[in-house]
């Protein structure tokens, strides 16, 4: 019973904010244009500030123990290569294969990582989540470009790719966070207060935007492909990651961070990237929608199972 309460306390507040965003959009209270503006604020201000604040305030001892990052990279390699091999044996169109592979390996960790782990362990007790955001999320971006270019059949522009990575607000926030961390500069109280205000705004606004980004499009034509993606993203990927992580001794907030990293829904950014690369953007949007709805149930299941085993 206690494990169910832990799962409910972690998932239901997140689900409520997402559903609120969906309801506000469907009733026309908040327009699409407003959600686009909110999305810009989230990705250019709120999330970078949250990431910067997490990095500059995290325990430096984490940096001397990079094993969890190396572990995450190893799992990422598996959940990229394995779907490419398995889908390579099918007759699915390459434009759809690329979308499916990206949806399976690339999660919406930036938005959901902090709120879910904090809901279980409390603010400030988020384990290696800042480290995973700082090092694994950029890897998602880089691997996505490589995978999508492979399936698009077009030759990439290395200079443009590098520029896109270096100008990503999350990458900039990561670099600035580490530079500030080791600069020895004392953070004035007034600046700390401003940062904390923005951090507190980040989670509810991010979840509201996530809910408002749903496009209620028909999935009938792609239901088999979406079933494969949902199973890979929400069940297979976290199963591989969590069983291996538990066997290696990861527990508590670190394991919870890995759970959201590999068990979260497909990243919203996967849709825009697929569209820019000329792949099946409609399928990409459907992958985001289906996995975001499905994660409400699967994340509840993962948290319940792990907490009942005494791992969380």
C-alpha atoms as a PDB file:
ATOM      1  CA  UNK A   1       0.000   0.000   0.000  1.00  0.00           C
ATOM      2  CA  UNK A   2       2.844   2.382   0.825  1.00  0.00           C
ATOM      3  CA  UNK A   3       4.415   1.789  -2.603  1.00  0.00           C
ATOM      4  CA  UNK A   4       1.119   2.705  -4.292  1.00  0.00           C
ATOM      5  CA  UNK A   5       0.931   5.940  -2.273  1.00  0.00           C
ATOM      6  CA  UNK A   6       4.514   6.816  -3.285  1.00  0.00           C
ATOM      7  CA  UNK A   7       3.609   6.273  -6.933  1.00  0.00           C
ATOM      8  CA  UNK A   8       0.388   8.274  -6.620  1.00  0.00           C
ATOM      9  CA  UNK A   9       2.147  11.195  -4.923  1.00  0.00           C
ATOM     10  CA  UNK A  10       4.781  11.219  -7.671  1.00  0.00           C
ATOM     11  CA  UNK A  11       2.612  10.792 -10.758  1.00  0.00           C
ATOM     12  CA  UNK A  12      -0.780  12.376 -10.035  1.00  0.00           C
ATOM     13  CA  UNK A  13       0.425  15.990  -9.508  1.00  0.00           C
ATOM     14  CA  UNK A  14       2.413  15.761 -12.748  1.00  0.00           C
ATOM     15  CA  UNK A  15      -0.556  14.254 -14.589  1.00  0.00           C
ATOM     16  CA  UNK A  16      -2.892  16.948 -13.203  1.00  0.00           C
ATOM     17  CA  UNK A  17      -0.767  19.811 -14.550  1.00  0.00           C
ATOM     18  CA  UNK A  18      -0.476  18.135 -17.955  1.00  0.00           C
ATOM     19  CA  UNK A  19      -4.238  17.502 -18.136  1.00  0.00           C
ATOM     20  CA  UNK A  20      -4.904  21.075 -17.023  1.00  0.00           C
ATOM     21  CA  UNK A  21      -2.857  22.331 -19.954  1.00  0.00           C
ATOM     22  CA  UNK A  22      -4.809  20.080 -22.319  1.00  0.00           C
ATOM     23  CA  UNK A  23      -8.141  21.273 -20.890  1.00  0.00           C
ATOM     24  CA  UNK A  24      -7.208  24.960 -21.093  1.00  0.00           C
ATOM     25  CA  UNK A  25      -6.238  24.514 -24.729  1.00  0.00           C
ATOM     26  CA  UNK A  26      -9.277  22.428 -25.731  1.00  0.00           C
ATOM     27  CA  UNK A  27     -11.666  24.991 -24.176  1.00  0.00           C
ATOM     28  CA  UNK A  28      -9.892  27.843 -25.931  1.00  0.00           C
ATOM     29  CA  UNK A  29      -8.953  29.574 -22.672  1.00  0.00           C
ATOM     30  CA  UNK A  30      -5.286  29.570 -23.711  1.00  0.00           C
ATOM     31  CA  UNK A  31      -4.641  29.845 -27.445  1.00  0.00           C
ATOM     32  CA  UNK A  32      -2.049  27.945 -29.470  1.00  0.00           C
ATOM     33  CA  UNK A  33      -0.078  31.152 -29.933  1.00  0.00           C
ATOM     34  CA  UNK A  34       0.092  31.638 -26.157  1.00  0.00           C
ATOM     35  CA  UNK A  35       1.308  28.075 -25.651  1.00  0.00           C
ATOM     36  CA  UNK A  36       4.033  28.737 -28.223  1.00  0.00           C
ATOM     37  CA  UNK A  37       5.078  31.808 -26.235  1.00  0.00           C
ATOM     38  CA  UNK A  38       5.042  29.822 -22.988  1.00  0.00           C
ATOM     39  CA  UNK A  39       7.073  27.101 -24.702  1.00  0.00           C
ATOM     40  CA  UNK A  40       9.701  29.680 -25.674  1.00  0.00           C
ATOM     41  CA  UNK A  41       9.865  30.897 -22.061  1.00  0.00           C
ATOM     42  CA  UNK A  42      10.216  27.331 -20.783  1.00  0.00           C
ATOM     43  CA  UNK A  43      13.010  26.295 -23.139  1.00  0.00           C
ATOM     44  CA  UNK A  44      14.919  29.571 -23.252  1.00  0.00           C
ATOM     45  CA  UNK A  45      14.542  30.785 -19.667  1.00  0.00           C
ATOM     46  CA  UNK A  46      12.969  28.423 -17.121  1.00  0.00           C
ATOM     47  CA  UNK A  47      14.665  25.122 -17.980  1.00  0.00           C
ATOM     48  CA  UNK A  48      18.124  26.639 -18.604  1.00  0.00           C
ATOM     49  CA  UNK A  49      17.911  28.534 -15.295  1.00  0.00           C
ATOM     50  CA  UNK A  50      16.810  25.345 -13.487  1.00  0.00           C
ATOM     51  CA  UNK A  51      19.675  23.410 -15.037  1.00  0.00           C
ATOM     52  CA  UNK A  52      22.186  26.176 -14.234  1.00  0.00           C
ATOM     53  CA  UNK A  53      20.957  26.354 -10.649  1.00  0.00           C
ATOM     54  CA  UNK A  54      21.079  22.572 -10.213  1.00  0.00           C
ATOM     55  CA  UNK A  55      24.630  22.366 -11.525  1.00  0.00           C
ATOM     56  CA  UNK A  56      26.036  25.305  -9.574  1.00  0.00           C
ATOM     57  CA  UNK A  57      24.494  23.990  -6.343  1.00  0.00           C
ATOM     58  CA  UNK A  58      25.209  20.278  -6.733  1.00  0.00           C
ATOM     59  CA  UNK A  59      27.738  18.393  -4.655  1.00  0.00           C
ATOM     60  CA  UNK A  60      31.114  18.376  -6.436  1.00  0.00           C
ATOM     61  CA  UNK A  61      31.616  14.814  -5.207  1.00  0.00           C
ATOM     62  CA  UNK A  62      29.243  13.768  -8.003  1.00  0.00           C
ATOM     63  CA  UNK A  63      31.784  14.823 -10.594  1.00  0.00           C
ATOM     64  CA  UNK A  64      34.378  12.453  -9.172  1.00  0.00           C
ATOM     65  CA  UNK A  65      31.944   9.545  -9.617  1.00  0.00           C
ATOM     66  CA  UNK A  66      30.963   9.669 -13.302  1.00  0.00           C
ATOM     67  CA  UNK A  67      29.852   6.025 -13.350  1.00  0.00           C
ATOM     68  CA  UNK A  68      26.151   6.823 -13.585  1.00  0.00           C
ATOM     69  CA  UNK A  69      26.754   8.978 -16.672  1.00  0.00           C
ATOM     70  CA  UNK A  70      28.851   6.240 -18.296  1.00  0.00           C
ATOM     71  CA  UNK A  71      26.127   3.743 -17.422  1.00  0.00           C
ATOM     72  CA  UNK A  72      23.492   6.001 -19.015  1.00  0.00           C
ATOM     73  CA  UNK A  73      25.626   6.320 -22.161  1.00  0.00           C
ATOM     74  CA  UNK A  74      25.900   2.518 -22.340  1.00  0.00           C
ATOM     75  CA  UNK A  75      22.140   2.045 -22.058  1.00  0.00           C
ATOM     76  CA  UNK A  76      21.587   4.810 -24.611  1.00  0.00           C
ATOM     77  CA  UNK A  77      23.830   2.970 -27.083  1.00  0.00           C
ATOM     78  CA  UNK A  78      21.831  -0.233 -26.587  1.00  0.00           C
ATOM     79  CA  UNK A  79      18.420   1.392 -27.048  1.00  0.00           C
ATOM     80  CA  UNK A  80      19.621   3.156 -30.195  1.00  0.00           C
ATOM     81  CA  UNK A  81      21.356   0.228 -31.888  1.00  0.00           C
ATOM     82  CA  UNK A  82      18.856  -2.493 -30.962  1.00  0.00           C
ATOM     83  CA  UNK A  83      15.781  -0.759 -32.492  1.00  0.00           C
ATOM     84  CA  UNK A  84      17.810   0.101 -35.610  1.00  0.00           C
ATOM     85  CA  UNK A  85      18.704  -3.580 -36.043  1.00  0.00           C
ATOM     86  CA  UNK A  86      15.190  -4.864 -35.365  1.00  0.00           C
ATOM     87  CA  UNK A  87      13.426  -2.252 -37.508  1.00  0.00           C
ATOM     88  CA  UNK A  88      16.009  -2.810 -40.248  1.00  0.00           C
ATOM     89  CA  UNK A  89      14.488  -6.260 -40.767  1.00  0.00           C
ATOM     90  CA  UNK A  90      11.039  -4.822 -41.491  1.00  0.00           C
ATOM     91  CA  UNK A  91       9.501  -3.211 -44.562  1.00  0.00           C
ATOM     92  CA  UNK A  92       8.632  -0.011 -42.681  1.00  0.00           C
ATOM     93  CA  UNK A  93       9.496   3.144 -44.619  1.00  0.00           C
ATOM     94  CA  UNK A  94      12.830   4.722 -43.636  1.00  0.00           C
ATOM     95  CA  UNK A  95      11.116   8.048 -42.900  1.00  0.00           C
ATOM     96  CA  UNK A  96       9.059   6.240 -40.282  1.00  0.00           C
ATOM     97  CA  UNK A  97      11.919   4.086 -38.985  1.00  0.00           C
ATOM     98  CA  UNK A  98      13.946   7.179 -38.095  1.00  0.00           C
ATOM     99  CA  UNK A  99      11.018   8.683 -36.190  1.00  0.00           C
ATOM    100  CA  UNK A 100      10.436   5.424 -34.316  1.00  0.00           C
ATOM    101  CA  UNK A 101      14.075   4.962 -33.329  1.00  0.00           C
ATOM    102  CA  UNK A 102      14.305   8.534 -32.046  1.00  0.00           C
ATOM    103  CA  UNK A 103      11.041   8.191 -30.075  1.00  0.00           C
ATOM    104  CA  UNK A 104      12.305   4.996 -28.432  1.00  0.00           C
ATOM    105  CA  UNK A 105      15.665   6.349 -27.232  1.00  0.00           C
ATOM    106  CA  UNK A 106      14.949  10.057 -26.669  1.00  0.00           C
ATOM    107  CA  UNK A 107      12.868  10.879 -23.606  1.00  0.00           C
ATOM    108  CA  UNK A 108      11.388  14.094 -22.234  1.00  0.00           C
ATOM    109  CA  UNK A 109      13.732  13.961 -19.246  1.00  0.00           C
ATOM    110  CA  UNK A 110      14.336  17.704 -18.967  1.00  0.00           C
ATOM    111  CA  UNK A 111      10.688  18.432 -18.188  1.00  0.00           C
ATOM    112  CA  UNK A 112       9.765  15.333 -16.165  1.00  0.00           C
ATOM    113  CA  UNK A 113      13.044  14.393 -14.458  1.00  0.00           C
ATOM    114  CA  UNK A 114      13.085  17.009 -11.720  1.00  0.00           C
ATOM    115  CA  UNK A 115       9.352  17.033 -10.815  1.00  0.00           C
ATOM    116  CA  UNK A 116       9.007  13.258 -10.506  1.00  0.00           C
ATOM    117  CA  UNK A 117      12.203  12.713  -8.502  1.00  0.00           C
ATOM    118  CA  UNK A 118      11.424  15.716  -6.276  1.00  0.00           C
ATOM    119  CA  UNK A 119       7.885  14.450  -5.719  1.00  0.00           C
ATOM    120  CA  UNK A 120       9.329  11.205  -4.333  1.00  0.00           C
ATOM    121  CA  UNK A 121      12.290  12.540  -2.327  1.00  0.00           C
ATOM    122  CA  UNK A 122      11.537  16.225  -1.834  1.00  0.00           C
ATOM    123  CA  UNK A 123      13.127  19.409  -3.216  1.00  0.00           C
ATOM    124  CA  UNK A 124      16.896  19.335  -3.172  1.00  0.00           C
ATOM    125  CA  UNK A 125      17.082  15.537  -2.864  1.00  0.00           C
ATOM    126  CA  UNK A 126      17.366  14.724  -6.532  1.00  0.00           C
ATOM    127  CA  UNK A 127      20.521  12.609  -6.587  1.00  0.00           C
ATOM    128  CA  UNK A 128      22.337  12.562  -9.929  1.00  0.00           C
ATOM    129  CA  UNK A 129      19.501  14.165 -11.927  1.00  0.00           C
ATOM    130  CA  UNK A 130      21.485  17.401 -12.627  1.00  0.00           C
ATOM    131  CA  UNK A 131      24.441  15.314 -13.779  1.00  0.00           C
ATOM    132  CA  UNK A 132      22.241  13.257 -16.103  1.00  0.00           C
ATOM    133  CA  UNK A 133      20.624  16.395 -17.534  1.00  0.00           C
ATOM    134  CA  UNK A 134      24.015  18.028 -18.037  1.00  0.00           C
ATOM    135  CA  UNK A 135      25.643  15.101 -19.837  1.00  0.00           C
ATOM    136  CA  UNK A 136      22.952  12.805 -21.239  1.00  0.00           C
ATOM    137  CA  UNK A 137      20.431  15.316 -22.614  1.00  0.00           C
ATOM    138  CA  UNK A 138      23.074  16.865 -24.931  1.00  0.00           C
ATOM    139  CA  UNK A 139      23.882  13.315 -26.076  1.00  0.00           C
ATOM    140  CA  UNK A 140      20.204  12.871 -26.985  1.00  0.00           C
ATOM    141  CA  UNK A 141      20.459  15.907 -29.269  1.00  0.00           C
ATOM    142  CA  UNK A 142      23.646  14.727 -30.961  1.00  0.00           C
ATOM    143  CA  UNK A 143      22.493  11.139 -31.468  1.00  0.00           C
ATOM    144  CA  UNK A 144      19.126  12.348 -32.804  1.00  0.00           C
ATOM    145  CA  UNK A 145      20.831  14.372 -35.525  1.00  0.00           C
ATOM    146  CA  UNK A 146      22.972  11.379 -36.545  1.00  0.00           C
ATOM    147  CA  UNK A 147      20.052   8.908 -36.552  1.00  0.00           C
ATOM    148  CA  UNK A 148      17.637  11.173 -38.414  1.00  0.00           C
ATOM    149  CA  UNK A 149      20.244  12.067 -41.027  1.00  0.00           C
ATOM    150  CA  UNK A 150      20.902   8.345 -41.538  1.00  0.00           C
ATOM    151  CA  UNK A 151      17.239   7.639 -42.276  1.00  0.00           C
ATOM    152  CA  UNK A 152      16.595  10.837 -44.233  1.00  0.00           C
ATOM    153  CA  UNK A 153      19.185   9.867 -46.817  1.00  0.00           C
ATOM    154  CA  UNK A 154      20.608  13.391 -46.877  1.00  0.00           C
ATOM    155  CA  UNK A 155      24.135  14.467 -46.207  1.00  0.00           C
ATOM    156  CA  UNK A 156      24.352  16.506 -43.049  1.00  0.00           C
ATOM    157  CA  UNK A 157      26.052  19.844 -42.636  1.00  0.00           C
ATOM    158  CA  UNK A 158      28.605  19.347 -39.808  1.00  0.00           C
ATOM    159  CA  UNK A 159      29.050  23.082 -39.221  1.00  0.00           C
ATOM    160  CA  UNK A 160      25.300  23.624 -38.933  1.00  0.00           C
ATOM    161  CA  UNK A 161      24.967  20.629 -36.620  1.00  0.00           C
ATOM    162  CA  UNK A 162      27.742  21.854 -34.326  1.00  0.00           C
ATOM    163  CA  UNK A 163      26.296  25.376 -34.299  1.00  0.00           C
ATOM    164  CA  UNK A 164      22.866  23.989 -33.403  1.00  0.00           C
ATOM    165  CA  UNK A 165      24.314  22.036 -30.503  1.00  0.00           C
ATOM    166  CA  UNK A 166      26.425  24.888 -29.141  1.00  0.00           C
ATOM    167  CA  UNK A 167      23.572  27.398 -29.344  1.00  0.00           C
ATOM    168  CA  UNK A 168      21.111  25.105 -27.565  1.00  0.00           C
ATOM    169  CA  UNK A 169      19.993  26.941 -24.390  1.00  0.00           C
ATOM    170  CA  UNK A 170      20.453  23.796 -22.281  1.00  0.00           C
ATOM    171  CA  UNK A 171      24.021  23.325 -23.524  1.00  0.00           C
ATOM    172  CA  UNK A 172      24.807  26.983 -22.800  1.00  0.00           C
ATOM    173  CA  UNK A 173      23.263  26.659 -19.320  1.00  0.00           C
ATOM    174  CA  UNK A 174      25.332  23.528 -18.669  1.00  0.00           C
ATOM    175  CA  UNK A 175      28.590  25.232 -19.653  1.00  0.00           C
ATOM    176  CA  UNK A 176      27.802  28.370 -17.642  1.00  0.00           C
ATOM    177  CA  UNK A 177      26.718  26.265 -14.670  1.00  0.00           C
ATOM    178  CA  UNK A 178      30.027  24.403 -14.513  1.00  0.00           C
ATOM    179  CA  UNK A 179      32.072  27.567 -15.088  1.00  0.00           C
ATOM    180  CA  UNK A 180      30.212  29.324 -12.280  1.00  0.00           C
ATOM    181  CA  UNK A 181      30.480  26.278 -10.036  1.00  0.00           C
ATOM    182  CA  UNK A 182      34.266  26.305 -10.174  1.00  0.00           C
ATOM    183  CA  UNK A 183      34.732  30.075 -10.325  1.00  0.00           C
ATOM    184  CA  UNK A 184      34.528  30.441  -6.557  1.00  0.00           C
ATOM    185  CA  UNK A 185      32.098  33.351  -6.904  1.00  0.00           C
ATOM    186  CA  UNK A 186      29.664  33.730  -4.030  1.00  0.00           C
ATOM    187  CA  UNK A 187      26.043  34.008  -5.144  1.00  0.00           C
ATOM    188  CA  UNK A 188      24.428  37.168  -3.696  1.00  0.00           C
ATOM    189  CA  UNK A 189      21.217  36.545  -1.800  1.00  0.00           C
ATOM    190  CA  UNK A 190      19.162  38.654  -4.180  1.00  0.00           C
ATOM    191  CA  UNK A 191      20.440  36.686  -7.205  1.00  0.00           C
ATOM    192  CA  UNK A 192      19.781  33.399  -5.419  1.00  0.00           C
ATOM    193  CA  UNK A 193      16.231  34.569  -4.698  1.00  0.00           C
ATOM    194  CA  UNK A 194      15.638  35.449  -8.372  1.00  0.00           C
ATOM    195  CA  UNK A 195      16.997  32.083  -9.521  1.00  0.00           C
ATOM    196  CA  UNK A 196      14.821  30.241  -7.022  1.00  0.00           C
ATOM    197  CA  UNK A 197      11.723  32.110  -8.201  1.00  0.00           C
ATOM    198  CA  UNK A 198      12.404  31.083 -11.802  1.00  0.00           C
ATOM    199  CA  UNK A 199      13.123  27.499 -10.743  1.00  0.00           C
ATOM    200  CA  UNK A 200       9.820  27.287  -8.858  1.00  0.00           C
ATOM    201  CA  UNK A 201       8.005  28.562 -11.957  1.00  0.00           C
ATOM    202  CA  UNK A 202       9.737  26.072 -14.221  1.00  0.00           C
ATOM    203  CA  UNK A 203       8.027  22.817 -13.291  1.00  0.00           C
ATOM    204  CA  UNK A 204       4.331  23.868 -13.362  1.00  0.00           C
ATOM    205  CA  UNK A 205       4.768  25.943 -16.510  1.00  0.00           C
ATOM    206  CA  UNK A 206       6.705  23.145 -18.253  1.00  0.00           C
ATOM    207  CA  UNK A 207       4.004  20.598 -17.468  1.00  0.00           C
ATOM    208  CA  UNK A 208       1.239  23.005 -18.488  1.00  0.00           C
ATOM    209  CA  UNK A 209       2.960  23.557 -21.851  1.00  0.00           C
ATOM    210  CA  UNK A 210       3.486  19.814 -22.278  1.00  0.00           C
ATOM    211  CA  UNK A 211      -0.241  19.200 -21.819  1.00  0.00           C
ATOM    212  CA  UNK A 212      -1.127  22.077 -24.112  1.00  0.00           C
ATOM    213  CA  UNK A 213       1.155  20.741 -26.847  1.00  0.00           C
ATOM    214  CA  UNK A 214      -1.046  17.676 -27.435  1.00  0.00           C
ATOM    215  CA  UNK A 215      -2.395  17.450 -30.943  1.00  0.00           C
ATOM    216  CA  UNK A 216      -5.521  15.275 -30.877  1.00  0.00           C
ATOM    217  CA  UNK A 217      -4.857  13.702 -34.266  1.00  0.00           C
ATOM    218  CA  UNK A 218      -6.078  10.324 -35.462  1.00  0.00           C
ATOM    219  CA  UNK A 219      -3.651   7.496 -34.775  1.00  0.00           C
ATOM    220  CA  UNK A 220      -5.662   4.788 -36.526  1.00  0.00           C
ATOM    221  CA  UNK A 221      -3.414   4.518 -39.563  1.00  0.00           C
ATOM    222  CA  UNK A 222      -0.230   4.246 -37.493  1.00  0.00           C
ATOM    223  CA  UNK A 223      -1.538   2.261 -34.532  1.00  0.00           C
ATOM    224  CA  UNK A 224       0.825  -0.704 -35.114  1.00  0.00           C
ATOM    225  CA  UNK A 225       3.864   1.560 -35.373  1.00  0.00           C
ATOM    226  CA  UNK A 226       2.757   3.505 -32.314  1.00  0.00           C
ATOM    227  CA  UNK A 227       2.289   0.254 -30.399  1.00  0.00           C
ATOM    228  CA  UNK A 228       5.898  -0.657 -31.156  1.00  0.00           C
ATOM    229  CA  UNK A 229       7.115   2.790 -30.076  1.00  0.00           C
ATOM    230  CA  UNK A 230       5.069   2.801 -26.860  1.00  0.00           C
ATOM    231  CA  UNK A 231       6.305  -0.676 -25.928  1.00  0.00           C
ATOM    232  CA  UNK A 232       9.904   0.281 -26.674  1.00  0.00           C
ATOM    233  CA  UNK A 233       9.827   3.706 -25.019  1.00  0.00           C
ATOM    234  CA  UNK A 234       7.744   2.949 -21.928  1.00  0.00           C
ATOM    235  CA  UNK A 235       8.444  -0.732 -21.224  1.00  0.00           C
ATOM    236  CA  UNK A 236      11.508  -2.181 -22.998  1.00  0.00           C
ATOM    237  CA  UNK A 237      13.902   0.772 -22.527  1.00  0.00           C
ATOM    238  CA  UNK A 238      13.232   1.220 -18.779  1.00  0.00           C
ATOM    239  CA  UNK A 239      13.232  -2.553 -18.264  1.00  0.00           C
ATOM    240  CA  UNK A 240      16.738  -2.819 -19.753  1.00  0.00           C
ATOM    241  CA  UNK A 241      17.986   0.208 -17.822  1.00  0.00           C
ATOM    242  CA  UNK A 242      16.433  -0.493 -14.441  1.00  0.00           C
ATOM    243  CA  UNK A 243      17.174  -4.197 -14.179  1.00  0.00           C
ATOM    244  CA  UNK A 244      20.804  -3.533 -15.057  1.00  0.00           C
ATOM    245  CA  UNK A 245      21.025  -0.489 -12.778  1.00  0.00           C
ATOM    246  CA  UNK A 246      19.505  -2.377  -9.836  1.00  0.00           C
ATOM    247  CA  UNK A 247      21.934  -5.248 -10.381  1.00  0.00           C
ATOM    248  CA  UNK A 248      24.816  -2.746 -10.306  1.00  0.00           C
ATOM    249  CA  UNK A 249      23.617  -1.354  -6.972  1.00  0.00           C
ATOM    250  CA  UNK A 250      21.862   1.882  -7.936  1.00  0.00           C
ATOM    251  CA  UNK A 251      19.167   2.839  -5.441  1.00  0.00           C
ATOM    252  CA  UNK A 252      17.057   5.792  -4.293  1.00  0.00           C
ATOM    253  CA  UNK A 253      17.108   9.099  -6.134  1.00  0.00           C
ATOM    254  CA  UNK A 254      19.781   7.933  -8.594  1.00  0.00           C
ATOM    255  CA  UNK A 255      17.641   4.965  -9.647  1.00  0.00           C
ATOM    256  CA  UNK A 256      14.576   7.233  -9.823  1.00  0.00           C
ATOM    257  CA  UNK A 257      16.494   9.563 -12.146  1.00  0.00           C
ATOM    258  CA  UNK A 258      17.383   6.640 -14.423  1.00  0.00           C
ATOM    259  CA  UNK A 259      13.752   5.507 -14.296  1.00  0.00           C
ATOM    260  CA  UNK A 260      12.512   8.837 -15.691  1.00  0.00           C
ATOM    261  CA  UNK A 261      15.447   9.174 -18.102  1.00  0.00           C
ATOM    262  CA  UNK A 262      14.711   5.853 -19.781  1.00  0.00           C
ATOM    263  CA  UNK A 263      11.009   5.452 -18.938  1.00  0.00           C
ATOM    264  CA  UNK A 264       9.696   8.922 -19.737  1.00  0.00           C
ATOM    265  CA  UNK A 265       7.671   9.842 -22.843  1.00  0.00           C
ATOM    266  CA  UNK A 266       9.181  10.751 -26.207  1.00  0.00           C
ATOM    267  CA  UNK A 267      10.703  14.240 -26.202  1.00  0.00           C
ATOM    268  CA  UNK A 268       8.583  17.066 -27.612  1.00  0.00           C
ATOM    269  CA  UNK A 269      11.638  18.263 -29.535  1.00  0.00           C
ATOM    270  CA  UNK A 270      11.644  14.992 -31.499  1.00  0.00           C
ATOM    271  CA  UNK A 271       8.661  16.248 -33.498  1.00  0.00           C
ATOM    272  CA  UNK A 272      10.254  19.507 -34.652  1.00  0.00           C
ATOM    273  CA  UNK A 273      13.556  17.768 -35.417  1.00  0.00           C
ATOM    274  CA  UNK A 274      11.842  15.079 -37.492  1.00  0.00           C
ATOM    275  CA  UNK A 275       9.969  17.776 -39.432  1.00  0.00           C
ATOM    276  CA  UNK A 276      13.165  19.734 -40.105  1.00  0.00           C
ATOM    277  CA  UNK A 277      14.937  16.586 -41.345  1.00  0.00           C
ATOM    278  CA  UNK A 278      12.128  15.642 -43.734  1.00  0.00           C
ATOM    279  CA  UNK A 279      10.909  12.536 -41.909  1.00  0.00           C
ATOM    280  CA  UNK A 280       7.335  11.576 -40.995  1.00  0.00           C
ATOM    281  CA  UNK A 281       6.448  14.492 -38.704  1.00  0.00           C
ATOM    282  CA  UNK A 282       2.830  13.342 -38.266  1.00  0.00           C
ATOM    283  CA  UNK A 283       4.037  10.025 -36.838  1.00  0.00           C
ATOM    284  CA  UNK A 284       6.515  11.933 -34.641  1.00  0.00           C
ATOM    285  CA  UNK A 285       3.699  14.059 -33.181  1.00  0.00           C
ATOM    286  CA  UNK A 286       1.644  10.925 -32.554  1.00  0.00           C
ATOM    287  CA  UNK A 287       4.602   9.273 -30.782  1.00  0.00           C
ATOM    288  CA  UNK A 288       4.851  12.222 -28.394  1.00  0.00           C
ATOM    289  CA  UNK A 289       1.109  12.209 -27.739  1.00  0.00           C
ATOM    290  CA  UNK A 290       0.731   8.445 -27.195  1.00  0.00           C
ATOM    291  CA  UNK A 291       3.795   8.048 -24.974  1.00  0.00           C
ATOM    292  CA  UNK A 292       2.947  11.140 -22.908  1.00  0.00           C
ATOM    293  CA  UNK A 293      -0.521   9.776 -22.185  1.00  0.00           C
ATOM    294  CA  UNK A 294       0.813   6.267 -21.617  1.00  0.00           C
ATOM    295  CA  UNK A 295       3.545   7.368 -19.211  1.00  0.00           C
ATOM    296  CA  UNK A 296       0.927   8.366 -16.630  1.00  0.00           C
ATOM    297  CA  UNK A 297       0.135   4.669 -16.249  1.00  0.00           C
ATOM    298  CA  UNK A 298       3.536   3.073 -16.866  1.00  0.00           C
ATOM    299  CA  UNK A 299       5.396   5.467 -14.556  1.00  0.00           C
ATOM    300  CA  UNK A 300       2.878   4.668 -11.833  1.00  0.00           C
ATOM    301  CA  UNK A 301       3.646   0.994 -12.407  1.00  0.00           C
ATOM    302  CA  UNK A 302       7.436   1.434 -12.363  1.00  0.00           C
ATOM    303  CA  UNK A 303       7.375   3.512  -9.172  1.00  0.00           C
ATOM    304  CA  UNK A 304       5.038   1.045  -7.463  1.00  0.00           C
ATOM    305  CA  UNK A 305       7.178  -1.943  -8.474  1.00  0.00           C
ATOM    306  CA  UNK A 306      10.513  -0.392  -7.520  1.00  0.00           C
ATOM    307  CA  UNK A 307       9.286   0.999  -4.199  1.00  0.00           C
ATOM    308  CA  UNK A 308       7.673  -2.317  -3.263  1.00  0.00           C
ATOM    309  CA  UNK A 309      11.065  -3.974  -3.860  1.00  0.00           C
ATOM    310  CA  UNK A 310      12.720  -1.412  -1.596  1.00  0.00           C
ATOM    311  CA  UNK A 311      14.756   0.090  -4.433  1.00  0.00           C
ATOM    312  CA  UNK A 312      13.246   3.589  -4.234  1.00  0.00           C
END
